[in-house]
Amino acid sequence: MGSCSKRELFMWDPPMLTHKRTGLCLDVNDLKTPILYPCYKQEVMNAKQHWRHVDGHFIQSLSTQKCLDYLGRETVRVVSAACDRVEARWEEYRGFEPIETTLFKQQKREMPHLFTETYTK
């Protein structure tokens, strides 16, 4: 398998994965072979385009509960499989994140009590 380039990057906008170059979303299609497909608006709640990052290495479909894997060929074809059989490991690539977002996340980790609904001054 070749090295990743910017042509293969996906943007994570939970719960959707958007192919950076084309702007298309990862869709479970026939529930076996994921495809790139025009993105539904998030308020439409099409579960075929909803994913989650599990245990730091797996990408799991919320509609099928299967994880993304790839077939071991030069041309990579992505497939879905039972999560306990998946060989692929996916990493979250952090592109640019505004400093405000970074600081907010840091404060939320360090002082979670400030971010609860029951917090009073």
Protein backbone atom coordinates (compact mmCIF):
# COMPACT_ATOMS: atom_id res chain seq x y z
CA MET A 1 0.00 0.00 0.00
CA GLY A 2 1.36 3.42 -0.88
CA SER A 3 1.87 6.24 1.51
CA CYS A 4 -1.02 8.57 2.20
CA SER A 5 -1.12 11.87 0.43
CA LYS A 6 -3.42 14.83 0.73
CA ARG A 7 -5.51 13.22 -2.02
CA GLU A 8 -6.62 10.46 0.39
CA LEU A 9 -7.30 12.52 3.50
CA PHE A 10 -10.73 12.64 5.11
CA MET A 11 -12.03 15.41 7.35
CA TRP A 12 -13.70 14.23 10.54
CA ASP A 13 -16.83 16.25 11.25
CA PRO A 14 -18.61 13.86 13.61
CA PRO A 15 -20.43 11.81 12.70
CA MET A 16 -19.41 12.26 9.05
CA LEU A 17 -16.17 11.61 7.16
CA THR A 18 -15.66 13.90 4.17
CA HIS A 19 -13.08 13.20 1.48
CA LYS A 20 -10.97 16.35 1.51
CA ARG A 21 -10.24 16.59 -2.22
CA THR A 22 -13.74 15.79 -3.57
CA GLY A 23 -15.97 17.00 -0.72
CA LEU A 24 -17.90 13.71 -0.90
CA CYS A 25 -18.86 11.72 2.20
CA LEU A 26 -18.01 8.16 3.08
CA ASP A 27 -21.25 6.17 2.71
CA VAL A 28 -21.87 2.48 3.57
CA ASN A 29 -23.64 2.05 0.23
CA ASP A 30 -24.75 -1.61 0.02
CA LEU A 31 -23.65 -2.25 3.64
CA LYS A 32 -20.56 -4.13 2.36
CA THR A 33 -18.56 -1.79 0.14
CA PRO A 34 -18.34 1.85 1.25
CA ILE A 35 -18.32 4.53 -1.45
CA LEU A 36 -17.88 8.27 -1.73
CA TYR A 37 -21.31 9.85 -2.14
CA PRO A 38 -22.70 13.40 -2.00
CA CYS A 39 -23.07 14.39 1.66
CA TYR A 40 -26.46 14.55 3.28
CA LYS A 41 -27.08 17.48 5.58
CA GLN A 42 -26.43 16.42 9.17
CA GLU A 43 -30.00 17.25 10.16
CA VAL A 44 -31.24 14.62 7.67
CA MET A 45 -29.68 11.96 9.94
CA ASN A 46 -28.80 9.46 7.22
CA ALA A 47 -27.09 6.73 9.24
CA LYS A 48 -25.37 5.41 6.10
CA GLN A 49 -22.94 8.34 6.39
CA HIS A 50 -22.46 8.26 10.17
CA TRP A 51 -19.19 6.92 11.58
CA ARG A 52 -17.27 6.90 14.83
CA HIS A 53 -13.59 6.53 15.70
CA VAL A 54 -13.30 3.55 18.08
CA ASP A 55 -10.37 2.76 20.39
CA GLY A 56 -8.14 5.18 18.51
CA HIS A 57 -7.68 2.87 15.51
CA PHE A 58 -11.01 1.71 14.09
CA ILE A 59 -13.60 3.54 12.03
CA GLN A 60 -17.02 2.02 12.66
CA SER A 61 -20.27 2.56 10.79
CA LEU A 62 -23.11 3.54 13.10
CA SER A 63 -25.65 1.85 10.81
CA THR A 64 -23.92 -1.53 10.35
CA GLN A 65 -21.63 -1.59 13.42
CA LYS A 66 -18.91 -2.86 11.03
CA CYS A 67 -15.47 -1.30 10.74
CA LEU A 68 -13.53 -0.14 7.71
CA ASP A 69 -10.84 -2.45 6.41
CA TYR A 70 -8.92 -2.71 3.17
CA LEU A 71 -8.11 -5.57 0.86
CA GLY A 72 -4.37 -6.28 0.60
CA ARG A 73 -3.88 -5.22 -3.00
CA GLU A 74 -1.90 -2.50 -4.72
CA THR A 75 -5.09 -0.65 -5.57
CA VAL A 76 -6.77 -0.31 -2.21
CA ARG A 77 -10.46 -1.10 -2.02
CA VAL A 78 -12.14 -0.26 1.25
CA VAL A 79 -14.60 -2.81 2.62
CA SER A 80 -16.61 -3.22 5.79
CA ALA A 81 -16.07 -6.15 8.10
CA ALA A 82 -16.82 -7.34 11.61
CA CYS A 83 -14.72 -5.16 13.92
CA ASP A 84 -12.98 -8.09 15.59
CA ARG A 85 -11.60 -9.22 12.19
CA VAL A 86 -10.33 -5.88 10.90
CA GLU A 87 -6.61 -5.64 10.19
CA ALA A 88 -6.52 -1.97 9.18
CA ARG A 89 -5.55 0.65 11.74
CA TRP A 90 -6.69 4.19 11.06
CA GLU A 91 -5.07 7.24 12.56
CA GLU A 92 -6.60 10.58 13.23
CA TYR A 93 -4.63 13.18 11.34
CA ARG A 94 -4.84 16.58 12.92
CA GLY A 95 -4.68 19.34 10.39
CA PHE A 96 -4.97 22.96 11.38
CA GLU A 97 -6.87 23.62 14.59
CA PRO A 98 -7.50 27.23 15.69
CA ILE A 99 -5.73 28.16 18.92
CA GLU A 100 -9.12 28.97 20.50
CA THR A 101 -10.27 25.39 19.93
CA THR A 102 -7.03 23.96 21.30
CA LEU A 103 -7.26 26.10 24.45
CA PHE A 104 -10.94 25.28 24.95
CA LYS A 105 -10.27 21.52 24.74
CA GLN A 106 -7.32 21.85 27.13
CA GLN A 107 -9.42 23.71 29.70
CA LYS A 108 -12.25 21.22 29.35
CA ARG A 109 -9.83 18.35 30.10
CA GLU A 110 -8.13 20.14 33.00
CA MET A 111 -11.27 21.61 34.61
CA PRO A 112 -14.27 19.49 33.58
CA HIS A 113 -16.32 20.77 36.51
CA LEU A 114 -16.54 24.17 34.78
CA PHE A 115 -18.31 22.58 31.83
CA THR A 116 -21.14 20.79 33.60
CA GLU A 117 -24.70 22.07 33.69
CA THR A 118 -24.76 21.96 37.47
CA TYR A 119 -21.81 24.32 37.89
CA THR A 120 -22.70 27.49 39.77
CA LYS A 121 -20.42 30.37 40.69
